[in-house]
Amino acid sequence: MESYACAHANRANLLIHLVAVPLFILAHVGVVSAIACRKTMPAFASASLIVMSLGLQRKGHKLEAKSPKPFDSCWDFAARLYKEQFYTFPKFVLSGEFQKNWLSSQSQN
């Protein structure tokens, strides 16, 4: 969690992630629901939200003093992406680490 916290210390990036990660998760629910209901346009709309969420997070990471560890391969990208979106970030928020970084970033401004 320490390396994750170091790459999520900028207040603007934290705010972006606070919006973009739930969007990513909800958009996946939308994709699955749309596919189950055989609704093409909602599936594409939800997939677009996933891409938008990732774009927002990428912009947020460019604001950080410390970049996240680069991906080793396509498989590493996929595995880390889903683990961080569905597990690590929620854990980061619920453990209090998000609040700790938010408060420490405020004192740095």
PDB file of N, CA and C in Angstrom:
ATOM      1  N   MET A   1       0.837  -1.201   0.000  1.00  0.00           N
ATOM      2  CA  MET A   1       0.000   0.000   0.000  1.00  0.00           C
ATOM      3  C   MET A   1       0.871   1.250   0.000  1.00  0.00           C
ATOM      4  N   GLU A   2       2.088   1.137   0.534  1.00  0.00           N
ATOM      5  CA  GLU A   2       2.960   2.306   0.628  1.00  0.00           C
ATOM      6  C   GLU A   2       3.331   2.865  -0.745  1.00  0.00           C
ATOM      7  N   SER A   3       3.674   2.001  -1.686  1.00  0.00           N
ATOM      8  CA  SER A   3       4.029   2.484  -3.017  1.00  0.00           C
ATOM      9  C   SER A   3       2.806   3.079  -3.712  1.00  0.00           C
ATOM     10  N   TYR A   4       1.633   2.516  -3.457  1.00  0.00           N
ATOM     11  CA  TYR A   4       0.400   3.066  -4.027  1.00  0.00           C
ATOM     12  C   TYR A   4       0.154   4.459  -3.445  1.00  0.00           C
ATOM     13  N   ALA A   5       0.314   4.596  -2.142  1.00  0.00           N
ATOM     14  CA  ALA A   5       0.086   5.881  -1.478  1.00  0.00           C
ATOM     15  C   ALA A   5       1.063   6.944  -1.979  1.00  0.00           C
ATOM     16  N   CYS A   6       2.309   6.566  -2.235  1.00  0.00           N
ATOM     17  CA  CYS A   6       3.304   7.522  -2.729  1.00  0.00           C
ATOM     18  C   CYS A   6       2.952   8.059  -4.114  1.00  0.00           C
ATOM     19  N   ALA A   7       2.300   7.236  -4.918  1.00  0.00           N
ATOM     20  CA  ALA A   7       1.923   7.647  -6.272  1.00  0.00           C
ATOM     21  C   ALA A   7       0.533   8.286  -6.309  1.00  0.00           C
ATOM     22  N   HIS A   8      -0.058   8.486  -5.125  1.00  0.00           N
ATOM     23  CA  HIS A   8      -1.369   9.115  -5.012  1.00  0.00           C
ATOM     24  C   HIS A   8      -1.328  10.109  -3.851  1.00  0.00           C
ATOM     25  N   ALA A   9      -0.510  11.135  -4.027  1.00  0.00           N
ATOM     26  CA  ALA A   9      -0.310  12.102  -2.954  1.00  0.00           C
ATOM     27  C   ALA A   9      -0.743  13.513  -3.337  1.00  0.00           C
ATOM     28  N   ASN A  10      -0.888  13.780  -4.620  1.00  0.00           N
ATOM     29  CA  ASN A  10      -1.296  15.101  -5.092  1.00  0.00           C
ATOM     30  C   ASN A  10      -2.801  15.265  -4.904  1.00  0.00           C
ATOM     31  N   ARG A  11      -3.202  16.391  -4.363  1.00  0.00           N
ATOM     32  CA  ARG A  11      -4.615  16.607  -4.048  1.00  0.00           C
ATOM     33  C   ARG A  11      -5.508  16.544  -5.287  1.00  0.00           C
ATOM     34  N   ALA A  12      -5.074  17.134  -6.394  1.00  0.00           N
ATOM     35  CA  ALA A  12      -5.877  17.091  -7.618  1.00  0.00           C
ATOM     36  C   ALA A  12      -6.013  15.657  -8.121  1.00  0.00           C
ATOM     37  N   ASN A  13      -4.934  14.891  -8.054  1.00  0.00           N
ATOM     38  CA  ASN A  13      -4.988  13.488  -8.467  1.00  0.00           C
ATOM     39  C   ASN A  13      -5.912  12.692  -7.550  1.00  0.00           C
ATOM     40  N   LEU A  14      -5.870  12.962  -6.273  1.00  0.00           N
ATOM     41  CA  LEU A  14      -6.763  12.271  -5.341  1.00  0.00           C
ATOM     42  C   LEU A  14      -8.222  12.559  -5.685  1.00  0.00           C
ATOM     43  N   LEU A  15      -8.522  13.813  -5.981  1.00  0.00           N
ATOM     44  CA  LEU A  15      -9.890  14.194  -6.338  1.00  0.00           C
ATOM     45  C   LEU A  15     -10.318  13.517  -7.640  1.00  0.00           C
ATOM     46  N   ILE A  16      -9.424  13.506  -8.619  1.00  0.00           N
ATOM     47  CA  ILE A  16      -9.711  12.826  -9.883  1.00  0.00           C
ATOM     48  C   ILE A  16     -10.015  11.356  -9.624  1.00  0.00           C
ATOM     49  N   HIS A  17      -9.196  10.694  -8.823  1.00  0.00           N
ATOM     50  CA  HIS A  17      -9.407   9.274  -8.534  1.00  0.00           C
ATOM     51  C   HIS A  17     -10.706   9.046  -7.757  1.00  0.00           C
ATOM     52  N   LEU A  18     -11.060   9.977  -6.901  1.00  0.00           N
ATOM     53  CA  LEU A  18     -12.285   9.841  -6.119  1.00  0.00           C
ATOM     54  C   LEU A  18     -13.518   9.810  -7.023  1.00  0.00           C
ATOM     55  N   VAL A  19     -13.426  10.448  -8.170  1.00  0.00           N
ATOM     56  CA  VAL A  19     -14.519  10.438  -9.153  1.00  0.00           C
ATOM     57  C   VAL A  19     -14.324   9.320 -10.175  1.00  0.00           C
ATOM     58  N   ALA A  20     -13.104   9.180 -10.682  1.00  0.00           N
ATOM     59  CA  ALA A  20     -12.843   8.283 -11.813  1.00  0.00           C
ATOM     60  C   ALA A  20     -12.907   6.800 -11.451  1.00  0.00           C
ATOM     61  N   VAL A  21     -12.473   6.420 -10.277  1.00  0.00           N
ATOM     62  CA  VAL A  21     -12.486   4.991  -9.928  1.00  0.00           C
ATOM     63  C   VAL A  21     -13.924   4.480  -9.752  1.00  0.00           C
ATOM     64  N   PRO A  22     -14.788   5.185  -9.010  1.00  0.00           N
ATOM     65  CA  PRO A  22     -16.184   4.717  -8.974  1.00  0.00           C
ATOM     66  C   PRO A  22     -16.837   4.722 -10.367  1.00  0.00           C
ATOM     67  N   LEU A  23     -16.481   5.690 -11.198  1.00  0.00           N
ATOM     68  CA  LEU A  23     -16.994   5.706 -12.573  1.00  0.00           C
ATOM     69  C   LEU A  23     -16.555   4.446 -13.312  1.00  0.00           C
ATOM     70  N   PHE A  24     -15.302   4.071 -13.166  1.00  0.00           N
ATOM     71  CA  PHE A  24     -14.766   2.862 -13.790  1.00  0.00           C
ATOM     72  C   PHE A  24     -15.560   1.633 -13.342  1.00  0.00           C
ATOM     73  N   ILE A  25     -15.785   1.521 -12.047  1.00  0.00           N
ATOM     74  CA  ILE A  25     -16.502   0.364 -11.496  1.00  0.00           C
ATOM     75  C   ILE A  25     -17.950   0.347 -11.988  1.00  0.00           C
ATOM     76  N   LEU A  26     -18.640   1.478 -11.888  1.00  0.00           N
ATOM     77  CA  LEU A  26     -20.035   1.539 -12.324  1.00  0.00           C
ATOM     78  C   LEU A  26     -20.171   1.315 -13.825  1.00  0.00           C
ATOM     79  N   ALA A  27     -19.211   1.782 -14.598  1.00  0.00           N
ATOM     80  CA  ALA A  27     -19.245   1.566 -16.043  1.00  0.00           C
ATOM     81  C   ALA A  27     -19.110   0.087 -16.376  1.00  0.00           C
ATOM     82  N   HIS A  28     -18.350  -0.651 -15.585  1.00  0.00           N
ATOM     83  CA  HIS A  28     -18.259  -2.098 -15.791  1.00  0.00           C
ATOM     84  C   HIS A  28     -19.600  -2.775 -15.494  1.00  0.00           C
ATOM     85  N   VAL A  29     -20.271  -2.316 -14.462  1.00  0.00           N
ATOM     86  CA  VAL A  29     -21.612  -2.837 -14.168  1.00  0.00           C
ATOM     87  C   VAL A  29     -22.527  -2.539 -15.357  1.00  0.00           C
ATOM     88  N   GLY A  30     -22.392  -1.336 -15.916  1.00  0.00           N
ATOM     89  CA  GLY A  30     -23.195  -0.963 -17.079  1.00  0.00           C
ATOM     90  C   GLY A  30     -22.919  -1.832 -18.289  1.00  0.00           C
ATOM     91  N   VAL A  31     -21.658  -2.136 -18.539  1.00  0.00           N
ATOM     92  CA  VAL A  31     -21.299  -2.996 -19.680  1.00  0.00           C
ATOM     93  C   VAL A  31     -21.918  -4.379 -19.503  1.00  0.00           C
ATOM     94  N   VAL A  32     -21.739  -4.953 -18.329  1.00  0.00           N
ATOM     95  CA  VAL A  32     -22.267  -6.296 -18.072  1.00  0.00           C
ATOM     96  C   VAL A  32     -23.794  -6.295 -18.187  1.00  0.00           C
ATOM     97  N   SER A  33     -24.439  -5.296 -17.602  1.00  0.00           N
ATOM     98  CA  SER A  33     -25.900  -5.209 -17.671  1.00  0.00           C
ATOM     99  C   SER A  33     -26.385  -5.053 -19.105  1.00  0.00           C
ATOM    100  N   ALA A  34     -25.733  -4.196 -19.855  1.00  0.00           N
ATOM    101  CA  ALA A  34     -26.134  -3.957 -21.241  1.00  0.00           C
ATOM    102  C   ALA A  34     -25.956  -5.206 -22.095  1.00  0.00           C
ATOM    103  N   ILE A  35     -24.861  -5.920 -21.876  1.00  0.00           N
ATOM    104  CA  ILE A  35     -24.637  -7.157 -22.625  1.00  0.00           C
ATOM    105  C   ILE A  35     -25.699  -8.194 -22.251  1.00  0.00           C
ATOM    106  N   ALA A  36     -25.987  -8.296 -20.955  1.00  0.00           N
ATOM    107  CA  ALA A  36     -26.996  -9.258 -20.500  1.00  0.00           C
ATOM    108  C   ALA A  36     -28.370  -8.946 -21.089  1.00  0.00           C
ATOM    109  N   CYS A  37     -28.653  -7.667 -21.276  1.00  0.00           N
ATOM    110  CA  CYS A  37     -29.949  -7.253 -21.841  1.00  0.00           C
ATOM    111  C   CYS A  37     -29.895  -7.081 -23.354  1.00  0.00           C
ATOM    112  N   ARG A  38     -28.750  -7.394 -23.929  1.00  0.00           N
ATOM    113  CA  ARG A  38     -28.541  -7.275 -25.376  1.00  0.00           C
ATOM    114  C   ARG A  38     -28.825  -5.858 -25.883  1.00  0.00           C
ATOM    115  N   LYS A  39     -28.278  -4.896 -25.184  1.00  0.00           N
ATOM    116  CA  LYS A  39     -28.422  -3.476 -25.540  1.00  0.00           C
ATOM    117  C   LYS A  39     -27.069  -2.961 -26.017  1.00  0.00           C
ATOM    118  N   THR A  40     -26.949  -2.767 -27.316  1.00  0.00           N
ATOM    119  CA  THR A  40     -25.665  -2.393 -27.918  1.00  0.00           C
ATOM    120  C   THR A  40     -25.216  -0.990 -27.528  1.00  0.00           C
ATOM    121  N   MET A  41     -26.085  -0.018 -27.700  1.00  0.00           N
ATOM    122  CA  MET A  41     -25.672   1.368 -27.431  1.00  0.00           C
ATOM    123  C   MET A  41     -25.297   1.605 -25.967  1.00  0.00           C
ATOM    124  N   PRO A  42     -26.080   1.118 -25.003  1.00  0.00           N
ATOM    125  CA  PRO A  42     -25.646   1.276 -23.608  1.00  0.00           C
ATOM    126  C   PRO A  42     -24.307   0.581 -23.322  1.00  0.00           C
ATOM    127  N   ALA A  43     -24.058  -0.544 -23.984  1.00  0.00           N
ATOM    128  CA  ALA A  43     -22.775  -1.228 -23.788  1.00  0.00           C
ATOM    129  C   ALA A  43     -21.632  -0.354 -24.288  1.00  0.00           C
ATOM    130  N   PHE A  44     -21.810   0.248 -25.462  1.00  0.00           N
ATOM    131  CA  PHE A  44     -20.773   1.139 -25.994  1.00  0.00           C
ATOM    132  C   PHE A  44     -20.631   2.398 -25.146  1.00  0.00           C
ATOM    133  N   ALA A  45     -21.738   2.924 -24.665  1.00  0.00           N
ATOM    134  CA  ALA A  45     -21.678   4.114 -23.807  1.00  0.00           C
ATOM    135  C   ALA A  45     -20.919   3.803 -22.515  1.00  0.00           C
ATOM    136  N   SER A  46     -21.205   2.657 -21.929  1.00  0.00           N
ATOM    137  CA  SER A  46     -20.505   2.268 -20.699  1.00  0.00           C
ATOM    138  C   SER A  46     -19.021   2.023 -20.959  1.00  0.00           C
ATOM    139  N   ALA A  47     -18.715   1.391 -22.076  1.00  0.00           N
ATOM    140  CA  ALA A  47     -17.306   1.173 -22.437  1.00  0.00           C
ATOM    141  C   ALA A  47     -16.592   2.503 -22.629  1.00  0.00           C
ATOM    142  N   SER A  48     -17.294   3.477 -23.180  1.00  0.00           N
ATOM    143  CA  SER A  48     -16.710   4.815 -23.350  1.00  0.00           C
ATOM    144  C   SER A  48     -16.407   5.455 -21.999  1.00  0.00           C
ATOM    145  N   LEU A  49     -17.275   5.223 -21.025  1.00  0.00           N
ATOM    146  CA  LEU A  49     -17.029   5.754 -19.680  1.00  0.00           C
ATOM    147  C   LEU A  49     -15.807   5.111 -19.038  1.00  0.00           C
ATOM    148  N   ILE A  50     -15.578   3.833 -19.334  1.00  0.00           N
ATOM    149  CA  ILE A  50     -14.375   3.157 -18.821  1.00  0.00           C
ATOM    150  C   ILE A  50     -13.132   3.841 -19.384  1.00  0.00           C
ATOM    151  N   VAL A  51     -13.137   4.084 -20.678  1.00  0.00           N
ATOM    152  CA  VAL A  51     -11.994   4.739 -21.328  1.00  0.00           C
ATOM    153  C   VAL A  51     -11.814   6.152 -20.772  1.00  0.00           C
ATOM    154  N   MET A  52     -12.915   6.874 -20.584  1.00  0.00           N
ATOM    155  CA  MET A  52     -12.837   8.228 -20.041  1.00  0.00           C
ATOM    156  C   MET A  52     -12.249   8.208 -18.621  1.00  0.00           C
ATOM    157  N   SER A  53     -12.666   7.241 -17.815  1.00  0.00           N
ATOM    158  CA  SER A  53     -12.141   7.108 -16.461  1.00  0.00           C
ATOM    159  C   SER A  53     -10.629   6.902 -16.471  1.00  0.00           C
ATOM    160  N   LEU A  54     -10.170   6.036 -17.363  1.00  0.00           N
ATOM    161  CA  LEU A  54      -8.731   5.775 -17.445  1.00  0.00           C
ATOM    162  C   LEU A  54      -7.973   7.011 -17.925  1.00  0.00           C
ATOM    163  N   GLY A  55      -8.555   7.745 -18.856  1.00  0.00           N
ATOM    164  CA  GLY A  55      -7.924   8.983 -19.325  1.00  0.00           C
ATOM    165  C   GLY A  55      -7.803  10.007 -18.213  1.00  0.00           C
ATOM    166  N   LEU A  56      -8.849  10.136 -17.413  1.00  0.00           N
ATOM    167  CA  LEU A  56      -8.801  11.067 -16.279  1.00  0.00           C
ATOM    168  C   LEU A  56      -7.713  10.661 -15.289  1.00  0.00           C
ATOM    169  N   GLN A  57      -7.647   9.372 -14.989  1.00  0.00           N
ATOM    170  CA  GLN A  57      -6.631   8.907 -14.042  1.00  0.00           C
ATOM    171  C   GLN A  57      -5.220   9.122 -14.588  1.00  0.00           C
ATOM    172  N   ARG A  58      -5.064   8.937 -15.885  1.00  0.00           N
ATOM    173  CA  ARG A  58      -3.750   9.170 -16.494  1.00  0.00           C
ATOM    174  C   ARG A  58      -3.339  10.628 -16.334  1.00  0.00           C
ATOM    175  N   LYS A  59      -4.289  11.547 -16.586  1.00  0.00           N
ATOM    176  CA  LYS A  59      -3.997  12.972 -16.393  1.00  0.00           C
ATOM    177  C   LYS A  59      -3.640  13.260 -14.939  1.00  0.00           C
ATOM    178  N   GLY A  60      -4.343  12.632 -14.015  1.00  0.00           N
ATOM    179  CA  GLY A  60      -4.059  12.831 -12.600  1.00  0.00           C
ATOM    180  C   GLY A  60      -2.673  12.360 -12.216  1.00  0.00           C
ATOM    181  N   HIS A  61      -2.258  11.231 -12.769  1.00  0.00           N
ATOM    182  CA  HIS A  61      -0.932  10.708 -12.443  1.00  0.00           C
ATOM    183  C   HIS A  61       0.182  11.604 -12.966  1.00  0.00           C
ATOM    184  N   LYS A  62      -0.079  12.367 -14.001  1.00  0.00           N
ATOM    185  CA  LYS A  62       0.933  13.295 -14.514  1.00  0.00           C
ATOM    186  C   LYS A  62       1.182  14.445 -13.545  1.00  0.00           C
ATOM    187  N   LEU A  63       0.290  14.649 -12.602  1.00  0.00           N
ATOM    188  CA  LEU A  63       0.440  15.706 -11.597  1.00  0.00           C
ATOM    189  C   LEU A  63       1.291  15.263 -10.408  1.00  0.00           C
ATOM    190  N   GLU A  64       1.535  13.977 -10.310  1.00  0.00           N
ATOM    191  CA  GLU A  64       2.254  13.425  -9.160  1.00  0.00           C
ATOM    192  C   GLU A  64       3.757  13.638  -9.272  1.00  0.00           C
ATOM    193  N   ALA A  65       4.385  13.858  -8.125  1.00  0.00           N
ATOM    194  CA  ALA A  65       5.847  13.966  -8.077  1.00  0.00           C
ATOM    195  C   ALA A  65       6.481  12.605  -8.347  1.00  0.00           C
ATOM    196  N   LYS A  66       5.828  11.537  -7.877  1.00  0.00           N
ATOM    197  CA  LYS A  66       6.325  10.176  -8.081  1.00  0.00           C
ATOM    198  C   LYS A  66       5.340   9.421  -8.967  1.00  0.00           C
ATOM    199  N   SER A  67       5.831   8.944 -10.092  1.00  0.00           N
ATOM    200  CA  SER A  67       4.985   8.185 -11.018  1.00  0.00           C
ATOM    201  C   SER A  67       4.778   6.770 -10.506  1.00  0.00           C
ATOM    202  N   PRO A  68       3.648   6.169 -10.886  1.00  0.00           N
ATOM    203  CA  PRO A  68       3.465   4.760 -10.532  1.00  0.00           C
ATOM    204  C   PRO A  68       4.478   3.888 -11.270  1.00  0.00           C
ATOM    205  N   LYS A  69       4.715   2.720 -10.741  1.00  0.00           N
ATOM    206  CA  LYS A  69       5.634   1.769 -11.373  1.00  0.00           C
ATOM    207  C   LYS A  69       5.144   1.474 -12.790  1.00  0.00           C
ATOM    208  N   PRO A  70       6.042   1.510 -13.783  1.00  0.00           N
ATOM    209  CA  PRO A  70       5.622   1.196 -15.155  1.00  0.00           C
ATOM    210  C   PRO A  70       5.141  -0.249 -15.278  1.00  0.00           C
ATOM    211  N   PHE A  71       4.298  -0.486 -16.266  1.00  0.00           N
ATOM    212  CA  PHE A  71       3.789  -1.831 -16.514  1.00  0.00           C
ATOM    213  C   PHE A  71       4.861  -2.650 -17.218  1.00  0.00           C
ATOM    214  N   ASP A  72       4.952  -3.923 -16.858  1.00  0.00           N
ATOM    215  CA  ASP A  72       5.940  -4.819 -17.450  1.00  0.00           C
ATOM    216  C   ASP A  72       5.468  -5.427 -18.764  1.00  0.00           C
ATOM    217  N   SER A  73       4.156  -5.591 -18.908  1.00  0.00           N
ATOM    218  CA  SER A  73       3.602  -6.242 -20.098  1.00  0.00           C
ATOM    219  C   SER A  73       2.117  -5.923 -20.191  1.00  0.00           C
ATOM    220  N   CYS A  74       1.499  -6.393 -21.243  1.00  0.00           N
ATOM    221  CA  CYS A  74       0.045  -6.221 -21.389  1.00  0.00           C
ATOM    222  C   CYS A  74      -0.698  -6.930 -20.263  1.00  0.00           C
ATOM    223  N   TRP A  75      -0.209  -8.114 -19.898  1.00  0.00           N
ATOM    224  CA  TRP A  75      -0.849  -8.872 -18.823  1.00  0.00           C
ATOM    225  C   TRP A  75      -0.688  -8.155 -17.489  1.00  0.00           C
ATOM    226  N   ASP A  76       0.488  -7.586 -17.261  1.00  0.00           N
ATOM    227  CA  ASP A  76       0.721  -6.823 -16.033  1.00  0.00           C
ATOM    228  C   ASP A  76      -0.202  -5.618 -15.993  1.00  0.00           C
ATOM    229  N   PHE A  77      -0.374  -4.948 -17.140  1.00  0.00           N
ATOM    230  CA  PHE A  77      -1.286  -3.810 -17.224  1.00  0.00           C
ATOM    231  C   PHE A  77      -2.696  -4.229 -16.819  1.00  0.00           C
ATOM    232  N   ALA A  78      -3.207  -5.288 -17.431  1.00  0.00           N
ATOM    233  CA  ALA A  78      -4.577  -5.735 -17.157  1.00  0.00           C
ATOM    234  C   ALA A  78      -4.744  -6.162 -15.696  1.00  0.00           C
ATOM    235  N   ALA A  79      -3.804  -6.947 -15.193  1.00  0.00           N
ATOM    236  CA  ALA A  79      -3.902  -7.446 -13.820  1.00  0.00           C
ATOM    237  C   ALA A  79      -3.843  -6.297 -12.808  1.00  0.00           C
ATOM    238  N   ARG A  80      -2.868  -5.412 -12.983  1.00  0.00           N
ATOM    239  CA  ARG A  80      -2.744  -4.287 -12.040  1.00  0.00           C
ATOM    240  C   ARG A  80      -3.909  -3.330 -12.155  1.00  0.00           C
ATOM    241  N   LEU A  81      -4.346  -3.081 -13.374  1.00  0.00           N
ATOM    242  CA  LEU A  81      -5.461  -2.157 -13.585  1.00  0.00           C
ATOM    243  C   LEU A  81      -6.691  -2.611 -12.801  1.00  0.00           C
ATOM    244  N   TYR A  82      -7.093  -3.853 -12.999  1.00  0.00           N
ATOM    245  CA  TYR A  82      -8.304  -4.329 -12.332  1.00  0.00           C
ATOM    246  C   TYR A  82      -8.119  -4.496 -10.835  1.00  0.00           C
ATOM    247  N   LYS A  83      -6.938  -4.903 -10.412  1.00  0.00           N
ATOM    248  CA  LYS A  83      -6.695  -5.019  -8.975  1.00  0.00           C
ATOM    249  C   LYS A  83      -6.752  -3.640  -8.318  1.00  0.00           C
ATOM    250  N   GLU A  84      -6.127  -2.647  -8.955  1.00  0.00           N
ATOM    251  CA  GLU A  84      -6.104  -1.309  -8.365  1.00  0.00           C
ATOM    252  C   GLU A  84      -7.482  -0.663  -8.369  1.00  0.00           C
ATOM    253  N   GLN A  85      -8.261  -0.879  -9.410  1.00  0.00           N
ATOM    254  CA  GLN A  85      -9.573  -0.243  -9.501  1.00  0.00           C
ATOM    255  C   GLN A  85     -10.594  -0.876  -8.557  1.00  0.00           C
ATOM    256  N   PHE A  86     -10.589  -2.204  -8.488  1.00  0.00           N
ATOM    257  CA  PHE A  86     -11.615  -2.900  -7.722  1.00  0.00           C
ATOM    258  C   PHE A  86     -11.194  -3.244  -6.294  1.00  0.00           C
ATOM    259  N   TYR A  87      -9.895  -3.224  -6.014  1.00  0.00           N
ATOM    260  CA  TYR A  87      -9.439  -3.616  -4.681  1.00  0.00           C
ATOM    261  C   TYR A  87      -8.573  -2.551  -4.012  1.00  0.00           C
ATOM    262  N   THR A  88      -7.463  -2.180  -4.654  1.00  0.00           N
ATOM    263  CA  THR A  88      -6.477  -1.329  -3.987  1.00  0.00           C
ATOM    264  C   THR A  88      -7.017   0.064  -3.678  1.00  0.00           C
ATOM    265  N   PHE A  89      -7.649   0.730  -4.658  1.00  0.00           N
ATOM    266  CA  PHE A  89      -8.161   2.077  -4.376  1.00  0.00           C
ATOM    267  C   PHE A  89      -9.263   2.056  -3.322  1.00  0.00           C
ATOM    268  N   PRO A  90     -10.254   1.156  -3.422  1.00  0.00           N
ATOM    269  CA  PRO A  90     -11.239   1.114  -2.320  1.00  0.00           C
ATOM    270  C   PRO A  90     -10.585   0.862  -0.954  1.00  0.00           C
ATOM    271  N   LYS A  91      -9.594  -0.018  -0.915  1.00  0.00           N
ATOM    272  CA  LYS A  91      -8.879  -0.278   0.340  1.00  0.00           C
ATOM    273  C   LYS A  91      -8.136   0.984   0.796  1.00  0.00           C
ATOM    274  N   PHE A  92      -7.534   1.700  -0.150  1.00  0.00           N
ATOM    275  CA  PHE A  92      -6.826   2.952   0.120  1.00  0.00           C
ATOM    276  C   PHE A  92      -7.771   3.958   0.785  1.00  0.00           C
ATOM    277  N   VAL A  93      -8.990   4.045   0.286  1.00  0.00           N
ATOM    278  CA  VAL A  93      -9.977   4.974   0.846  1.00  0.00           C
ATOM    279  C   VAL A  93     -10.452   4.487   2.215  1.00  0.00           C
ATOM    280  N   LEU A  94     -10.870   3.237   2.291  1.00  0.00           N
ATOM    281  CA  LEU A  94     -11.461   2.713   3.531  1.00  0.00           C
ATOM    282  C   LEU A  94     -10.461   2.561   4.672  1.00  0.00           C
ATOM    283  N   SER A  95      -9.178   2.418   4.352  1.00  0.00           N
ATOM    284  CA  SER A  95      -8.158   2.268   5.396  1.00  0.00           C
ATOM    285  C   SER A  95      -7.762   3.598   6.036  1.00  0.00           C
ATOM    286  N   GLY A  96      -8.189   4.703   5.430  1.00  0.00           N
ATOM    287  CA  GLY A  96      -7.812   6.015   5.951  1.00  0.00           C
ATOM    288  C   GLY A  96      -6.583   6.601   5.278  1.00  0.00           C
ATOM    289  N   GLU A  97      -5.928   5.828   4.413  1.00  0.00           N
ATOM    290  CA  GLU A  97      -4.734   6.324   3.720  1.00  0.00           C
ATOM    291  C   GLU A  97      -5.082   7.484   2.780  1.00  0.00           C
ATOM    292  N   PHE A  98      -6.236   7.409   2.127  1.00  0.00           N
ATOM    293  CA  PHE A  98      -6.669   8.500   1.260  1.00  0.00           C
ATOM    294  C   PHE A  98      -6.762   9.793   2.067  1.00  0.00           C
ATOM    295  N   GLN A  99      -7.447   9.731   3.203  1.00  0.00           N
ATOM    296  CA  GLN A  99      -7.612  10.918   4.046  1.00  0.00           C
ATOM    297  C   GLN A  99      -6.258  11.429   4.531  1.00  0.00           C
ATOM    298  N   LYS A 100      -5.377  10.526   4.899  1.00  0.00           N
ATOM    299  CA  LYS A 100      -4.033  10.920   5.353  1.00  0.00           C
ATOM    300  C   LYS A 100      -3.296  11.679   4.246  1.00  0.00           C
ATOM    301  N   ASN A 101      -3.332  11.145   3.017  1.00  0.00           N
ATOM    302  CA  ASN A 101      -2.682  11.825   1.895  1.00  0.00           C
ATOM    303  C   ASN A 101      -3.364  13.146   1.576  1.00  0.00           C
ATOM    304  N   TRP A 102      -4.687  13.172   1.656  1.00  0.00           N
ATOM    305  CA  TRP A 102      -5.434  14.398   1.379  1.00  0.00           C
ATOM    306  C   TRP A 102      -5.019  15.497   2.362  1.00  0.00           C
ATOM    307  N   LEU A 103      -4.970  15.153   3.631  1.00  0.00           N
ATOM    308  CA  LEU A 103      -4.610  16.145   4.647  1.00  0.00           C
ATOM    309  C   LEU A 103      -3.156  16.577   4.533  1.00  0.00           C
ATOM    310  N   SER A 104      -2.252  15.649   4.232  1.00  0.00           N
ATOM    311  CA  SER A 104      -0.846  16.027   4.104  1.00  0.00           C
ATOM    312  C   SER A 104      -0.615  16.849   2.851  1.00  0.00           C
ATOM    313  N   SER A 105      -1.393  16.616   1.803  1.00  0.00           N
ATOM    314  CA  SER A 105      -1.240  17.440   0.579  1.00  0.00           C
ATOM    315  C   SER A 105      -1.752  18.852   0.823  1.00  0.00           C
ATOM    316  N   GLN A 106      -2.721  19.004   1.697  1.00  0.00           N
ATOM    317  CA  GLN A 106      -3.251  20.330   2.032  1.00  0.00           C
ATOM    318  C   GLN A 106      -2.182  21.142   2.748  1.00  0.00           C
ATOM    319  N   SER A 107      -1.439  20.503   3.625  1.00  0.00           N
ATOM    320  CA  SER A 107      -0.424  21.223   4.392  1.00  0.00           C
ATOM    321  C   SER A 107       0.780  21.581   3.524  1.00  0.00           C
ATOM    322  N   GLN A 108       0.925  20.906   2.364  1.00  0.00           N
ATOM    323  CA  GLN A 108       2.044  21.211   1.474  1.00  0.00           C
ATOM    324  C   GLN A 108       1.755  22.395   0.572  1.00  0.00           C
ATOM    325  N   ASN A 109       0.480  22.799   0.440  1.00  0.00           N
ATOM    326  CA  ASN A 109       0.121  23.919  -0.445  1.00  0.00           C
ATOM    327  C   ASN A 109       0.251  25.246   0.231  1.00  0.00           C
TER     328      ASN A 109
END
